Amino acid sequence: MAQKGEPPITALTERSGGEIEPERAALRLEHVDLDLEVDAARKYLAGTATLTLSTSVRQTRLLIDLDKNFHISAVAINGKPLANGAWRNPEGRLTIDLPAPVAAGGRMVARIAYAGRPHEAVNAPWDDGFVWSSWQGKPWVATTAQGYGCDLFWPCLDFPAGETPLMRIGIIAPEGVSAISNGVLRSIDPMKGGVRRWNWEAKTINPYLVAINIGPYREIKGAYPSKFGNSVPLHLWHLTGKDKQAAGLFAEFAPTLDFYEAMIGPFPFAHEKLGVVETPHLGMEHQTVNAYGNDYRKDATGFDWLLHHELAHEWFGNQMTAADWDDFWLHEGYGQYMQPLYGQWREGEARYAAMMAEQRKGILNRQPLVSGRLRTSDEVYQLEKGGPGTDIYYKGAWVLHTLRYLIGDAAFFDATRRLVYGRPDPKPGNFKPRFTTTPEFETLMSAAAGRDLGWFYRVYLRSAALPELIETRDGDQLTLEWKVPGAGPFPLPVEVQIDGVVQRVAMDAGRATIAVPASAHVVIDPMARVLRSSTAIEAMQAAR
């Protein structure tokens, strides 16, 4: 939504991912040099982006994503300035006429100077853009770009494969505030006029993860001695006056890393940092500089869920990135599931069960988690646009919970590790960030289980409705039968508790009959291992 006096955001700017023109899909960003000057008082951004690109097809023009809010003052290709009229950007897709065709396999360097009022987020992080705020009379600025994409503030390739192996981010900000971004801080250079340039460098970063944070920050830093033999730099940038609260949050970094490294594997970006920065919006998983705006609140779990959730994305989203937004549930389902797992790791089964039960109430089942077609971020995230919406979080987590029950911990975590790192034995230096898909997830889980699980994926990932378990008692017999959307088998076993004794009932044909004394007290699925239809939850949701 546009702010007063701001041009409306266009459909192209709002769109991230989805169907991509062949010539645009053929481009790859090899290196980005981004210089930005933020004027918080005017809500104004001036930038120069130098993009080194390669192409796998012949190009006569260059298609780059950039919000039309920005006026483009100059463009150069391979160091040669172009004449006015050689570029145009009516709808947020910057088109540059190349002075000479670039052959398949060729490279080009585009330098783009632009300035204007960037789109302002109305309700970040649920919508994207700049967040303008202040703290103790000084500017406090942040960006989010997951849904609408990187083109909100820099010229980029706004789709997951548009990531760059190397990016330098220079941010000019006034004295008295810090400018925090992704990767490693290389230098802080004083400049004329009472400003400083903060120079950051990040490796292999997806474009929507690039972030600008400016504010009156204090820094807490340390180092985490990893079980894998390396050291992880730890940084927390918090607002002045919040030293005590921030120290409490920083104390959670090490035990949280203990958990993730034990359950999944090494922190993926130890060569840069584990960074957290306080923001005027709730949060976002910006690679190595996660946005944090939970006001240091804890709940009954005893830990800060937001810190934990955004940190999960360093593995599930930043190290392992969905190749298309249709696979978005791999980011958020895993990210959501890691909090109950942490509760189990810290306190045991009771905490895990309580947290899973709380998440179960949020599952809506309006659309399947996976459509099987290319989709934009918003087409997945918004129910109104036909997507699964928040089911990518809660249903995704419960699908993983049920799958873990089905195949066991050893197989589940082995497949998860391979999904994240591309190998079963990750160690510092032997893996790189990678793209993945739902079909790869399915293949890895089936291989780890040693059997075909297509029936499981068909129902839980590609169908909206949940399986229904029909229970029939007749004398001393109990019959259980699965009713699932569509045809096909559904041999998901179920635990049955009979007078306090639990047994696992095989459902090889989707149906089973067991002997149960007529007087016995029976509880089906007593530990809630299985995601299935619930009349109680459906009635609760209908009453809202």
Protein backbone atom coordinates (compact mmCIF):
# COMPACT_ATOMS: atom_id res chain seq x y z
CA MET A 1 0.00 0.00 0.00
CA ALA A 2 1.41 3.36 -0.99
CA GLN A 3 1.87 6.11 1.56
CA LYS A 4 0.46 9.61 1.01
CA GLY A 5 2.41 11.35 -1.74
CA GLU A 6 4.08 8.13 -2.86
CA PRO A 7 3.37 6.48 -6.24
CA PRO A 8 1.43 3.21 -5.89
CA ILE A 9 3.50 0.06 -5.93
CA THR A 10 3.08 -1.74 -9.27
CA ALA A 11 2.13 -5.36 -9.78
CA LEU A 12 5.62 -6.04 -11.14
CA THR A 13 7.32 -4.54 -8.10
CA GLU A 14 5.01 -6.43 -5.76
CA ARG A 15 5.68 -9.68 -7.61
CA SER A 16 8.60 -11.85 -6.49
CA GLY A 17 9.37 -15.09 -8.29
CA GLY A 18 6.80 -16.97 -10.37
CA GLU A 19 6.99 -17.24 -14.15
CA ILE A 20 10.19 -15.62 -15.47
CA GLU A 21 10.99 -14.46 -19.01
CA PRO A 22 13.58 -16.82 -20.58
CA GLU A 23 16.12 -14.04 -21.16
CA ARG A 24 15.80 -12.88 -17.55
CA ALA A 25 15.97 -16.43 -16.21
CA ALA A 26 19.21 -16.88 -18.18
CA LEU A 27 20.96 -14.14 -16.17
CA ARG A 28 23.09 -14.79 -13.11
CA LEU A 29 24.51 -12.19 -10.76
CA GLU A 30 28.22 -12.84 -10.30
CA HIS A 31 28.98 -9.81 -8.14
CA VAL A 32 27.10 -6.82 -6.74
CA ASP A 33 28.62 -3.56 -5.55
CA LEU A 34 25.92 -1.52 -3.83
CA ASP A 35 26.42 2.02 -2.50
CA LEU A 36 23.49 3.49 -0.59
CA GLU A 37 22.83 6.78 1.17
CA VAL A 38 19.76 6.90 3.40
CA ASP A 39 18.21 10.24 4.34
CA ALA A 40 15.78 9.32 7.13
CA ALA A 41 14.46 12.87 7.56
CA ARG A 42 13.30 12.96 3.93
CA LYS A 43 12.56 9.21 3.70
CA TYR A 44 14.86 9.22 0.70
CA LEU A 45 17.35 6.76 -0.77
CA ALA A 46 20.12 7.41 -3.28
CA GLY A 47 22.03 4.45 -4.64
CA THR A 48 24.53 3.23 -7.18
CA ALA A 49 24.53 -0.46 -8.06
CA THR A 50 27.26 -2.12 -10.08
CA LEU A 51 26.08 -5.53 -11.25
CA THR A 52 28.35 -8.08 -12.86
CA LEU A 53 26.15 -10.52 -14.77
CA SER A 54 26.63 -13.62 -16.88
CA THR A 55 24.14 -15.02 -19.34
CA SER A 56 23.42 -18.45 -20.78
CA VAL A 57 21.58 -17.04 -23.83
CA ARG A 58 22.25 -14.18 -26.25
CA GLN A 59 21.04 -10.85 -24.84
CA THR A 60 20.22 -7.65 -26.69
CA ARG A 61 18.62 -5.98 -23.71
CA LEU A 62 18.98 -6.29 -19.96
CA LEU A 63 15.93 -6.89 -17.76
CA ILE A 64 16.49 -5.89 -14.14
CA ASP A 65 13.95 -5.51 -11.32
CA LEU A 66 13.75 -2.06 -9.71
CA ASP A 67 10.75 -0.24 -8.22
CA LYS A 68 9.60 2.62 -10.45
CA ASN A 69 9.58 4.91 -7.38
CA PHE A 70 13.23 5.55 -8.22
CA HIS A 71 14.44 8.00 -10.84
CA ILE A 72 17.36 6.56 -12.80
CA SER A 73 19.91 9.25 -13.56
CA ALA A 74 22.62 7.23 -15.31
CA VAL A 75 23.34 3.79 -16.72
CA ALA A 76 26.66 2.44 -18.00
CA ILE A 77 27.43 -0.93 -19.59
CA ASN A 78 30.99 -2.20 -19.33
CA GLY A 79 32.10 1.27 -18.29
CA LYS A 80 30.45 3.02 -21.26
CA PRO A 81 27.71 5.55 -20.31
CA LEU A 82 24.46 5.10 -22.22
CA ALA A 83 22.47 7.93 -23.71
CA ASN A 84 19.18 8.97 -22.14
CA GLY A 85 16.46 6.88 -23.72
CA ALA A 86 18.52 3.71 -23.68
CA TRP A 87 16.64 2.63 -20.56
CA ARG A 88 13.06 2.77 -19.34
CA ASN A 89 11.22 1.61 -16.26
CA PRO A 90 7.47 2.29 -16.48
CA GLU A 91 6.29 -0.59 -14.28
CA GLY A 92 9.22 -1.76 -12.16
CA ARG A 93 11.02 -3.86 -14.77
CA LEU A 94 14.04 -1.82 -15.79
CA THR A 95 14.82 -2.44 -19.45
CA ILE A 96 18.27 -1.42 -20.69
CA ASP A 97 19.10 -1.54 -24.40
CA LEU A 98 22.59 -3.01 -24.64
CA PRO A 99 25.04 -1.08 -26.88
CA ALA A 100 26.06 -4.41 -28.41
CA PRO A 101 24.61 -7.94 -28.07
CA VAL A 102 26.11 -10.16 -25.38
CA ALA A 103 26.60 -13.75 -26.56
CA ALA A 104 25.60 -16.84 -24.61
CA GLY A 105 28.31 -17.50 -22.06
CA GLY A 106 29.24 -13.82 -21.99
CA ARG A 107 29.45 -11.34 -19.15
CA MET A 108 28.54 -7.68 -18.73
CA VAL A 109 28.85 -5.03 -16.03
CA ALA A 110 25.91 -2.68 -15.54
CA ARG A 111 26.24 0.44 -13.38
CA ILE A 112 22.93 2.01 -12.39
CA ALA A 113 22.53 5.29 -10.48
CA TYR A 114 19.09 5.84 -8.96
CA ALA A 115 17.32 7.83 -6.24
CA GLY A 116 13.86 8.42 -4.81
CA ARG A 117 11.46 7.68 -1.99
CA PRO A 118 11.45 3.90 -1.49
CA HIS A 119 8.19 2.11 -0.84
CA GLU A 120 7.22 2.33 2.82
CA ALA A 121 5.99 -0.78 4.62
CA VAL A 122 2.59 -0.32 6.25
CA ASN A 123 2.66 -3.42 8.45
CA ALA A 124 6.13 -4.94 8.27
CA PRO A 125 7.12 -7.71 8.04
CA TRP A 126 3.75 -8.84 6.64
CA ASP A 127 4.22 -6.34 3.89
CA ASP A 128 7.56 -5.04 2.68
CA GLY A 129 9.55 -1.89 2.21
CA PHE A 130 11.35 0.64 4.38
CA VAL A 131 10.35 1.02 8.02
CA TRP A 132 11.03 4.59 9.20
CA SER A 133 11.13 5.14 12.93
CA SER A 134 13.23 6.86 15.59
CA TRP A 135 14.71 6.13 19.00
CA GLN A 136 15.73 8.79 21.49
CA GLY A 137 15.64 11.44 18.77
CA LYS A 138 17.78 9.52 16.27
CA PRO A 139 16.76 7.70 13.10
CA TRP A 140 15.88 4.03 13.37
CA VAL A 141 15.46 2.45 9.95
CA ALA A 142 14.99 -1.10 8.68
CA THR A 143 14.02 -2.93 5.48
CA THR A 144 12.08 -6.08 4.70
CA ALA A 145 11.75 -7.64 1.25
CA GLN A 146 10.70 -11.28 1.45
CA GLY A 147 7.27 -10.90 -0.14
CA TYR A 148 7.71 -8.04 -2.63
CA GLY A 149 11.39 -8.66 -3.22
CA CYS A 150 14.77 -6.96 -3.42
CA ASP A 151 13.69 -4.50 -6.12
CA LEU A 152 12.13 -2.34 -3.39
CA PHE A 153 15.51 -0.74 -2.80
CA TRP A 154 18.15 -2.07 -5.19
CA PRO A 155 18.35 -3.26 -8.83
CA CYS A 156 18.33 -7.05 -8.72
CA LEU A 157 17.04 -10.33 -10.14
CA ASP A 158 13.92 -10.78 -8.03
CA PHE A 159 13.60 -14.54 -7.94
CA PRO A 160 15.31 -17.18 -5.75
CA ALA A 161 17.94 -18.10 -8.36
CA GLY A 162 18.91 -14.41 -8.50
CA GLU A 163 21.32 -14.84 -5.60
CA THR A 164 24.88 -13.55 -5.91
CA PRO A 165 28.13 -15.26 -4.87
CA LEU A 166 29.64 -11.98 -3.66
CA MET A 167 28.07 -8.70 -2.61
CA ARG A 168 29.57 -5.53 -1.21
CA ILE A 169 27.14 -3.21 0.57
CA GLY A 170 28.23 0.32 1.43
CA ILE A 171 25.81 2.36 3.56
CA ILE A 172 26.33 6.06 4.24
CA ALA A 173 24.80 7.13 7.55
CA PRO A 174 25.26 10.09 9.91
CA GLU A 175 27.53 10.10 12.93
CA GLY A 176 25.82 8.81 16.06
CA VAL A 177 24.10 5.88 14.41
CA SER A 178 25.31 2.52 13.10
CA ALA A 179 24.55 1.01 9.69
CA ILE A 180 24.27 -2.76 9.98
CA SER A 181 23.99 -5.22 7.11
CA ASN A 182 24.77 -8.74 5.95
CA GLY A 183 28.12 -10.47 6.05
CA VAL A 184 31.37 -9.09 7.43
CA LEU A 185 32.09 -5.46 8.31
CA ARG A 186 35.21 -4.57 6.32
CA SER A 187 35.59 -0.93 7.37
CA ILE A 188 33.91 2.23 8.63
CA ASP A 189 35.14 5.21 6.64
CA PRO A 190 34.66 8.81 7.83
CA MET A 191 33.44 11.18 5.13
CA LYS A 192 32.81 14.89 4.77
CA GLY A 193 29.59 16.32 6.13
CA GLY A 194 29.46 14.36 9.38
CA VAL A 195 28.66 11.00 7.80
CA ARG A 196 30.38 7.62 7.67
CA ARG A 197 30.35 4.78 5.14
CA TRP A 198 29.85 1.31 6.60
CA ASN A 199 31.31 -1.28 4.23
CA TRP A 200 29.92 -4.83 4.43
CA GLU A 201 30.72 -7.89 2.35
CA ALA A 202 28.49 -10.97 2.05
CA LYS A 203 28.99 -14.21 0.15
CA THR A 204 26.33 -16.30 -1.62
CA ILE A 205 23.25 -14.41 -0.55
CA ASN A 206 19.71 -14.55 -1.89
CA PRO A 207 18.49 -11.10 -2.97
CA TYR A 208 15.47 -10.93 -0.63
CA LEU A 209 17.77 -11.49 2.36
CA VAL A 210 19.78 -8.29 1.82
CA ALA A 211 18.92 -5.81 4.58
CA ILE A 212 19.67 -2.26 5.72
CA ASN A 213 19.47 -1.40 9.42
CA ILE A 214 20.32 2.05 10.75
CA GLY A 215 19.93 3.17 14.35
CA PRO A 216 21.49 4.27 17.63
CA TYR A 217 22.84 0.83 18.40
CA ARG A 218 25.11 -0.59 21.04
CA GLU A 219 26.87 -3.84 20.24
CA ILE A 220 27.38 -7.01 22.26
CA LYS A 221 29.78 -9.47 20.69
CA GLY A 222 31.49 -12.73 21.47
CA ALA A 223 32.44 -16.05 19.91
CA TYR A 224 30.87 -19.50 20.00
CA PRO A 225 33.22 -22.52 20.14
CA SER A 226 31.49 -24.90 17.74
CA LYS A 227 31.48 -28.65 18.32
CA PHE A 228 32.78 -28.85 14.73
CA GLY A 229 36.07 -27.21 15.71
CA ASN A 230 35.56 -23.71 14.33
CA SER A 231 34.48 -20.48 16.00
CA VAL A 232 31.28 -18.53 15.20
CA PRO A 233 31.40 -14.72 15.65
CA LEU A 234 28.35 -13.55 17.64
CA HIS A 235 26.95 -10.02 17.33
CA LEU A 236 23.85 -8.37 18.78
CA TRP A 237 23.06 -4.76 17.92
CA HIS A 238 20.47 -3.35 20.31
CA LEU A 239 19.01 0.07 20.97
CA THR A 240 20.65 2.33 23.50
CA GLY A 241 19.05 2.02 26.92
CA LYS A 242 18.27 -1.68 26.53
CA ASP A 243 21.55 -3.12 27.77
CA LYS A 244 20.08 -5.43 30.40
CA GLN A 245 17.37 -6.91 28.18
CA ALA A 246 19.81 -7.36 25.31
CA ALA A 247 22.31 -9.14 27.54
CA GLY A 248 19.59 -11.65 28.43
CA LEU A 249 18.86 -12.27 24.77
CA PHE A 250 22.55 -12.60 23.91
CA ALA A 251 22.85 -15.27 26.60
CA GLU A 252 20.47 -17.41 24.53
CA PHE A 253 22.76 -17.47 21.49
CA ALA A 254 25.13 -20.22 22.66
CA PRO A 255 22.55 -22.76 23.96
CA THR A 256 20.46 -22.20 20.84
CA LEU A 257 23.49 -22.96 18.68
CA ASP A 258 24.21 -26.02 20.81
CA PHE A 259 20.78 -27.33 19.84
CA TYR A 260 20.96 -26.53 16.14
CA GLU A 261 24.44 -27.94 15.71
CA ALA A 262 23.47 -31.12 17.59
CA MET A 263 20.22 -31.68 15.71
CA ILE A 264 21.03 -30.40 12.21
CA GLY A 265 24.72 -29.53 11.75
CA PRO A 266 27.24 -26.67 11.73
CA PHE A 267 26.13 -23.06 11.62
CA PRO A 268 26.28 -22.32 7.88
CA PHE A 269 27.75 -18.80 8.00
CA ALA A 270 30.50 -19.06 10.61
CA HIS A 271 32.90 -17.45 8.11
CA GLU A 272 30.81 -14.28 8.48
CA LYS A 273 28.73 -14.03 11.67
CA LEU A 274 25.65 -14.91 13.59
CA GLY A 275 24.11 -11.47 13.79
CA VAL A 276 20.91 -10.11 15.32
CA VAL A 277 19.78 -6.49 15.08
CA GLU A 278 16.89 -4.82 16.89
CA THR A 279 14.27 -3.50 14.45
CA PRO A 280 11.08 -1.43 14.56
CA HIS A 281 9.18 -4.40 13.11
CA LEU A 282 8.73 -7.93 14.47
CA GLY A 283 11.40 -9.86 12.60
CA MET A 284 12.82 -11.44 9.44
CA GLU A 285 15.53 -13.97 8.57
CA HIS A 286 18.03 -11.66 6.90
CA GLN A 287 21.13 -13.78 6.35
CA THR A 288 23.70 -13.25 9.15
CA VAL A 289 21.76 -10.21 10.44
CA ASN A 290 18.37 -11.44 11.58
CA ALA A 291 15.84 -8.73 12.35
CA TYR A 292 14.54 -8.88 15.92
CA GLY A 293 11.61 -6.86 17.25
CA ASN A 294 10.04 -9.03 19.96
CA ASP A 295 10.90 -6.55 22.74
CA TYR A 296 12.81 -9.25 24.64
CA ARG A 297 9.62 -11.07 25.67
CA LYS A 298 9.66 -14.66 26.85
CA ASP A 299 6.73 -17.01 27.21
CA ALA A 300 6.14 -20.24 29.14
CA THR A 301 8.82 -22.03 27.09
CA GLY A 302 11.54 -19.98 28.80
CA PHE A 303 13.17 -18.89 25.54
CA ASP A 304 12.57 -16.21 22.93
CA TRP A 305 10.62 -17.88 20.15
CA LEU A 306 11.35 -15.14 17.63
CA LEU A 307 15.11 -15.33 18.06
CA HIS A 308 14.84 -19.09 17.69
CA HIS A 309 12.56 -19.04 14.65
CA GLU A 310 14.57 -16.52 12.66
CA LEU A 311 17.79 -18.31 13.53
CA ALA A 312 16.25 -21.54 12.18
CA HIS A 313 16.14 -19.87 8.78
CA GLU A 314 19.93 -19.67 8.64
CA TRP A 315 19.66 -23.41 7.97
CA PHE A 316 16.16 -23.59 6.46
CA GLY A 317 15.92 -20.73 3.97
CA ASN A 318 19.41 -19.21 3.81
CA GLN A 319 21.71 -22.26 3.62
CA MET A 320 18.96 -24.40 2.05
CA THR A 321 16.85 -22.18 -0.21
CA ALA A 322 13.66 -23.16 -2.03
CA ALA A 323 14.26 -23.18 -5.78
CA ASP A 324 10.77 -21.79 -6.28
CA TRP A 325 8.33 -20.13 -3.88
CA ASP A 326 6.02 -23.12 -4.35
CA ASP A 327 8.47 -24.87 -2.01
CA PHE A 328 8.16 -22.08 0.58
CA TRP A 329 6.84 -24.56 3.16
CA LEU A 330 10.34 -26.05 3.40
CA HIS A 331 11.53 -22.72 4.86
CA GLU A 332 8.63 -22.08 7.19
CA GLY A 333 7.54 -25.61 8.07
CA TYR A 334 11.03 -26.51 9.26
CA GLY A 335 11.48 -23.06 10.82
CA GLN A 336 8.27 -23.52 12.82
CA TYR A 337 9.02 -27.12 13.78
CA MET A 338 12.38 -26.27 15.30
CA GLN A 339 10.78 -24.45 18.27
CA PRO A 340 8.92 -27.52 19.63
CA LEU A 341 12.04 -29.58 18.92
CA TYR A 342 14.02 -27.13 21.02
CA GLY A 343 11.39 -27.39 23.75
CA GLN A 344 11.79 -31.17 23.65
CA TRP A 345 15.59 -30.90 23.71
CA ARG A 346 15.46 -28.57 26.74
CA GLU A 347 12.61 -30.02 28.79
CA GLY A 348 11.33 -33.27 27.29
CA GLU A 349 8.15 -34.69 25.80
CA ALA A 350 5.65 -32.64 27.79
CA ARG A 351 6.93 -29.32 26.45
CA TYR A 352 7.13 -30.69 22.91
CA ALA A 353 3.56 -32.01 23.04
CA ALA A 354 2.23 -28.75 24.45
CA MET A 355 3.91 -26.67 21.75
CA MET A 356 2.75 -28.98 18.96
CA ALA A 357 -0.81 -28.87 20.32
CA GLU A 358 -0.74 -25.07 20.25
CA GLN A 359 0.41 -25.06 16.62
CA ARG A 360 -2.24 -27.62 15.66
CA LYS A 361 -4.99 -25.07 16.33
CA GLY A 362 -3.70 -22.82 13.53
CA ILE A 363 -3.95 -25.33 10.65
CA LEU A 364 -6.59 -24.20 8.12
CA ASN A 365 -6.43 -26.75 5.25
CA ARG A 366 -7.80 -24.37 2.60
CA GLN A 367 -5.23 -25.22 -0.09
CA PRO A 368 -2.49 -27.86 -0.49
CA LEU A 369 0.97 -26.94 0.77
CA VAL A 370 2.41 -27.56 -2.71
CA SER A 371 0.74 -26.76 -6.04
CA GLY A 372 3.32 -28.19 -8.42
CA ARG A 373 3.59 -24.98 -10.45
CA LEU A 374 5.75 -21.87 -10.36
CA ARG A 375 4.33 -19.35 -7.91
CA THR A 376 5.18 -15.95 -6.53
CA SER A 377 5.85 -15.42 -2.85
CA ASP A 378 2.49 -13.70 -2.36
CA GLU A 379 0.62 -16.42 -4.25
CA VAL A 380 1.87 -18.86 -1.62
CA TYR A 381 1.62 -16.64 1.44
CA GLN A 382 -1.82 -15.10 0.82
CA LEU A 383 -5.00 -17.15 1.25
CA GLU A 384 -6.81 -14.53 -0.83
CA LYS A 385 -4.53 -15.37 -3.76
CA GLY A 386 -5.21 -19.10 -3.52
CA GLY A 387 -2.17 -20.05 -1.48
CA PRO A 388 -1.84 -22.17 1.66
CA GLY A 389 -1.12 -19.05 3.72
CA THR A 390 0.01 -19.74 7.28
CA ASP A 391 -0.33 -23.49 6.71
CA ILE A 392 3.23 -23.32 5.38
CA TYR A 393 4.14 -22.75 9.04
CA TYR A 394 1.78 -24.83 11.17
CA LYS A 395 0.73 -27.59 8.79
CA GLY A 396 4.29 -27.78 7.51
CA ALA A 397 5.53 -28.34 11.06
CA TRP A 398 2.89 -30.99 11.71
CA VAL A 399 3.69 -32.81 8.46
CA LEU A 400 7.31 -33.02 9.61
CA HIS A 401 6.18 -34.16 13.07
CA THR A 402 4.06 -36.97 11.58
CA LEU A 403 6.78 -37.98 9.11
CA ARG A 404 9.33 -38.17 11.92
CA TYR A 405 6.97 -40.49 13.81
CA LEU A 406 6.49 -42.64 10.69
CA ILE A 407 10.14 -43.17 9.70
CA GLY A 408 11.99 -42.61 13.00
CA ASP A 409 14.53 -40.07 14.19
CA ALA A 410 17.60 -41.58 12.50
CA ALA A 411 16.05 -41.54 9.02
CA PHE A 412 14.31 -38.18 9.48
CA PHE A 413 17.37 -36.26 10.62
CA ASP A 414 19.67 -37.97 8.12
CA ALA A 415 17.41 -36.87 5.25
CA THR A 416 17.04 -33.38 6.75
CA ARG A 417 20.81 -33.01 6.99
CA ARG A 418 21.24 -34.03 3.35
CA LEU A 419 18.51 -31.58 2.36
CA VAL A 420 20.22 -28.71 4.15
CA TYR A 421 23.85 -29.37 3.27
CA GLY A 422 23.66 -31.65 0.23
CA ARG A 423 25.62 -34.32 2.10
CA PRO A 424 25.35 -36.48 5.26
CA ASP A 425 28.60 -35.36 6.87
CA PRO A 426 28.66 -31.54 6.92
CA LYS A 427 31.75 -29.89 8.36
CA PRO A 428 33.00 -26.31 8.09
CA GLY A 429 34.32 -25.81 4.57
CA ASN A 430 32.79 -28.87 2.89
CA PHE A 431 29.40 -27.40 1.90
CA LYS A 432 27.92 -24.31 0.27
CA PRO A 433 24.43 -22.76 0.22
CA ARG A 434 22.15 -24.76 -2.04
CA PHE A 435 18.73 -24.77 -3.67
CA THR A 436 16.21 -27.51 -3.04
CA THR A 437 12.70 -28.56 -4.01
CA THR A 438 9.81 -30.51 -2.55
CA PRO A 439 10.54 -33.46 -4.90
CA GLU A 440 14.10 -33.60 -3.54
CA PHE A 441 12.72 -33.57 0.01
CA GLU A 442 10.44 -36.46 -0.91
CA THR A 443 13.25 -38.45 -2.54
CA LEU A 444 15.58 -37.97 0.42
CA MET A 445 12.98 -38.93 3.02
CA SER A 446 11.90 -42.01 1.06
CA ALA A 447 15.52 -43.09 0.61
CA ALA A 448 16.26 -42.65 4.31
CA ALA A 449 13.12 -44.62 5.21
CA GLY A 450 14.01 -47.35 2.73
CA ARG A 451 10.56 -47.35 1.13
CA ASP A 452 8.31 -45.35 -1.16
CA LEU A 453 6.37 -42.68 0.73
CA GLY A 454 4.48 -41.26 -2.24
CA TRP A 455 1.17 -42.01 -0.54
CA PHE A 456 2.20 -39.80 2.40
CA TYR A 457 3.26 -36.86 0.23
CA ARG A 458 0.13 -37.11 -1.94
CA VAL A 459 -2.16 -36.62 1.05
CA TYR A 460 -0.17 -34.26 3.26
CA LEU A 461 1.59 -32.06 0.70
CA ARG A 462 -0.64 -32.11 -2.39
CA SER A 463 -4.10 -32.34 -0.85
CA ALA A 464 -5.81 -29.70 1.23
CA ALA A 465 -8.05 -31.91 3.39
CA LEU A 466 -6.57 -33.92 6.24
CA PRO A 467 -6.96 -37.69 6.50
CA GLU A 468 -9.84 -38.81 8.69
CA LEU A 469 -9.53 -41.82 10.99
CA ILE A 470 -12.81 -43.75 11.30
CA GLU A 471 -13.15 -45.75 14.55
CA THR A 472 -15.66 -48.57 14.95
CA ARG A 473 -16.07 -50.75 18.04
CA ASP A 474 -18.09 -53.94 17.77
CA GLY A 475 -18.01 -56.14 20.84
CA ASP A 476 -14.40 -57.05 21.50
CA GLN A 477 -13.12 -55.69 18.22
CA LEU A 478 -11.87 -52.23 17.23
CA THR A 479 -11.66 -51.35 13.56
CA LEU A 480 -9.66 -48.36 12.35
CA GLU A 481 -9.88 -47.11 8.79
CA TRP A 482 -8.30 -44.14 7.04
CA LYS A 483 -10.47 -41.94 4.83
CA VAL A 484 -8.24 -39.76 2.63
CA PRO A 485 -8.79 -37.31 -0.22
CA GLY A 486 -8.56 -39.02 -3.60
CA ALA A 487 -7.90 -42.68 -4.30
CA GLY A 488 -4.89 -44.71 -3.29
CA PRO A 489 -3.35 -46.38 -0.26
CA PHE A 490 -2.65 -44.69 3.06
CA PRO A 491 -0.81 -47.18 5.30
CA LEU A 492 -0.04 -44.79 8.16
CA PRO A 493 0.26 -46.72 11.44
CA VAL A 494 -1.53 -45.48 14.53
CA GLU A 495 -0.79 -45.87 18.22
CA VAL A 496 -3.64 -47.21 20.34
CA GLN A 497 -3.70 -47.12 24.13
CA ILE A 498 -5.77 -49.92 25.69
CA ASP A 499 -6.21 -49.67 29.45
CA GLY A 500 -2.96 -47.72 29.70
CA VAL A 501 -0.90 -49.98 27.40
CA VAL A 502 0.18 -48.48 24.07
CA GLN A 503 0.63 -50.51 20.91
CA ARG A 504 1.42 -49.46 17.36
CA VAL A 505 -1.18 -50.71 14.93
CA ALA A 506 -0.08 -51.34 11.35
CA MET A 507 -2.51 -50.02 8.73
CA ASP A 508 -1.03 -51.73 5.69
CA ALA A 509 -4.21 -51.51 3.66
CA GLY A 510 -5.35 -48.31 5.34
CA ARG A 511 -7.48 -50.45 7.64
CA ALA A 512 -6.92 -52.69 10.66
CA THR A 513 -9.01 -54.61 13.18
CA ILE A 514 -7.63 -55.47 16.61
CA ALA A 515 -9.00 -57.32 19.63
CA VAL A 516 -10.08 -55.00 22.43
CA PRO A 517 -12.05 -56.12 25.49
CA ALA A 518 -15.48 -54.56 25.39
CA SER A 519 -14.90 -53.03 28.84
CA ALA A 520 -11.48 -51.54 27.95
CA HIS A 521 -10.78 -47.82 27.89
CA VAL A 522 -9.29 -46.94 24.49
CA VAL A 523 -7.42 -43.81 23.45
CA ILE A 524 -6.45 -43.43 19.80
CA ASP A 525 -3.12 -41.74 19.09
CA PRO A 526 -2.57 -40.83 22.76
CA MET A 527 0.60 -38.80 22.12
CA ALA A 528 -0.86 -37.00 19.07
CA ARG A 529 1.77 -38.37 16.69
CA VAL A 530 -0.42 -38.09 13.60
CA LEU A 531 -1.85 -35.09 11.76
CA ARG A 532 -5.50 -35.93 11.11
CA SER A 533 -8.91 -34.37 10.99
CA SER A 534 -10.19 -33.17 14.37
CA THR A 535 -13.86 -32.37 14.97
CA ALA A 536 -12.93 -30.41 18.10
CA ILE A 537 -10.49 -28.11 16.29
CA GLU A 538 -12.78 -27.70 13.31
CA ALA A 539 -15.66 -26.71 15.63
CA MET A 540 -13.40 -24.23 17.44
CA GLN A 541 -12.31 -22.67 14.15
CA ALA A 542 -15.89 -22.47 12.88
CA ALA A 543 -16.95 -20.61 16.04
CA ARG A 544 -14.36 -17.86 15.61
